C-alpha atoms as a PDB file:
ATOM      1  CA  UNK A   1      42.718  16.945  25.358  1.00  0.00           C
ATOM      2  CA  UNK A   2      42.868  15.241  21.964  1.00  0.00           C
ATOM      3  CA  UNK A   3      44.071  17.263  19.017  1.00  0.00           C
ATOM      4  CA  UNK A   4      41.563  18.424  16.446  1.00  0.00           C
ATOM      5  CA  UNK A   5      41.575  16.205  13.365  1.00  0.00           C
ATOM      6  CA  UNK A   6      41.912  17.748   9.925  1.00  0.00           C
ATOM      7  CA  UNK A   7      39.517  16.930   7.127  1.00  0.00           C
ATOM      8  CA  UNK A   8      40.753  15.659   3.785  1.00  0.00           C
ATOM      9  CA  UNK A   9      40.261  19.111   2.275  1.00  0.00           C
ATOM     10  CA  UNK A  10      42.132  20.862   5.113  1.00  0.00           C
ATOM     11  CA  UNK A  11      45.004  18.394   4.877  1.00  0.00           C
ATOM     12  CA  UNK A  12      45.208  18.760   1.104  1.00  0.00           C
ATOM     13  CA  UNK A  13      45.307  22.554   1.432  1.00  0.00           C
ATOM     14  CA  UNK A  14      47.971  22.347   4.146  1.00  0.00           C
ATOM     15  CA  UNK A  15      50.167  20.106   1.977  1.00  0.00           C
ATOM     16  CA  UNK A  16      49.265  21.949  -1.245  1.00  0.00           C
ATOM     17  CA  UNK A  17      48.045  18.732  -2.810  1.00  0.00           C
ATOM     18  CA  UNK A  18      44.713  17.849  -4.335  1.00  0.00           C
ATOM     19  CA  UNK A  19      42.297  15.690  -2.326  1.00  0.00           C
ATOM     20  CA  UNK A  20      42.535  13.180  -5.176  1.00  0.00           C
ATOM     21  CA  UNK A  21      46.298  12.905  -4.697  1.00  0.00           C
ATOM     22  CA  UNK A  22      45.776  12.019  -1.026  1.00  0.00           C
ATOM     23  CA  UNK A  23      43.183   9.376  -1.956  1.00  0.00           C
ATOM     24  CA  UNK A  24      45.582   7.900  -4.518  1.00  0.00           C
ATOM     25  CA  UNK A  25      48.419   7.806  -1.971  1.00  0.00           C
ATOM     26  CA  UNK A  26      46.120   6.128   0.546  1.00  0.00           C
ATOM     27  CA  UNK A  27      45.083   3.499  -2.025  1.00  0.00           C
ATOM     28  CA  UNK A  28      48.761   2.789  -2.772  1.00  0.00           C
ATOM     29  CA  UNK A  29      49.709   2.752   0.920  1.00  0.00           C
ATOM     30  CA  UNK A  30      51.979   5.771   0.490  1.00  0.00           C
ATOM     31  CA  UNK A  31      52.398   8.617   2.939  1.00  0.00           C
ATOM     32  CA  UNK A  32      50.931  11.106   3.637  1.00  0.00           C
ATOM     33  CA  UNK A  33      47.664   9.671   2.293  1.00  0.00           C
ATOM     34  CA  UNK A  34      48.153   6.439   4.233  1.00  0.00           C
ATOM     35  CA  UNK A  35      48.181   8.428   7.482  1.00  0.00           C
ATOM     36  CA  UNK A  36      44.449   9.086   7.182  1.00  0.00           C
ATOM     37  CA  UNK A  37      41.987   7.652   9.688  1.00  0.00           C
ATOM     38  CA  UNK A  38      38.582   6.491   8.488  1.00  0.00           C
ATOM     39  CA  UNK A  39      35.761   7.744  10.698  1.00  0.00           C
ATOM     40  CA  UNK A  40      32.548   6.583   9.110  1.00  0.00           C
ATOM     41  CA  UNK A  41      32.722   7.828   5.534  1.00  0.00           C
ATOM     42  CA  UNK A  42      35.181  10.603   6.353  1.00  0.00           C
ATOM     43  CA  UNK A  43      38.947  10.486   6.044  1.00  0.00           C
ATOM     44  CA  UNK A  44      40.598  12.510   8.810  1.00  0.00           C
ATOM     45  CA  UNK A  45      44.217  13.290   9.626  1.00  0.00           C
ATOM     46  CA  UNK A  46      46.088  14.075  12.834  1.00  0.00           C
ATOM     47  CA  UNK A  47      48.091  17.283  12.407  1.00  0.00           C
ATOM     48  CA  UNK A  48      50.929  15.744  14.434  1.00  0.00           C
ATOM     49  CA  UNK A  49      51.167  12.814  11.968  1.00  0.00           C
ATOM     50  CA  UNK A  50      51.328  15.196   9.017  1.00  0.00           C
ATOM     51  CA  UNK A  51      53.946  17.370  10.711  1.00  0.00           C
ATOM     52  CA  UNK A  52      56.029  14.281  11.590  1.00  0.00           C
ATOM     53  CA  UNK A  53      55.852  13.156   7.958  1.00  0.00           C
ATOM     54  CA  UNK A  54      57.046  16.587   6.800  1.00  0.00           C
ATOM     55  CA  UNK A  55      59.895  16.562   9.349  1.00  0.00           C
ATOM     56  CA  UNK A  56      61.014  13.128   8.094  1.00  0.00           C
ATOM     57  CA  UNK A  57      60.934  14.351   4.485  1.00  0.00           C
ATOM     58  CA  UNK A  58      62.971  17.408   5.429  1.00  0.00           C
ATOM     59  CA  UNK A  59      65.587  15.229   7.158  1.00  0.00           C
ATOM     60  CA  UNK A  60      65.757  12.926   4.123  1.00  0.00           C
ATOM     61  CA  UNK A  61      66.164  15.933   1.871  1.00  0.00           C
ATOM     62  CA  UNK A  62      68.960  17.371   4.002  1.00  0.00           C
ATOM     63  CA  UNK A  63      70.762  14.013   4.085  1.00  0.00           C
ATOM     64  CA  UNK A  64      70.494  13.708   0.323  1.00  0.00           C
ATOM     65  CA  UNK A  65      72.086  17.111  -0.216  1.00  0.00           C
ATOM     66  CA  UNK A  66      74.893  16.528   2.316  1.00  0.00           C
ATOM     67  CA  UNK A  67      76.901  14.519  -0.195  1.00  0.00           C
ATOM     68  CA  UNK A  68      77.298  17.667  -2.319  1.00  0.00           C
ATOM     69  CA  UNK A  69      79.346  19.347   0.415  1.00  0.00           C
END
């Protein structure tokens, strides 16, 4: 079964961003806004794509702090 897609508002709340920030990121081709899928007039997001983006950011953050050790 396909995963339930998140609306723009749900995704913004999950990421603690404004919907406008996601639209701006999409316009610029930046993640996570660029991960959105247009369905008619709606912009929807796969939770797995958002979670993967967050995991990548966490890994980048951990790598960046490793040089302090």
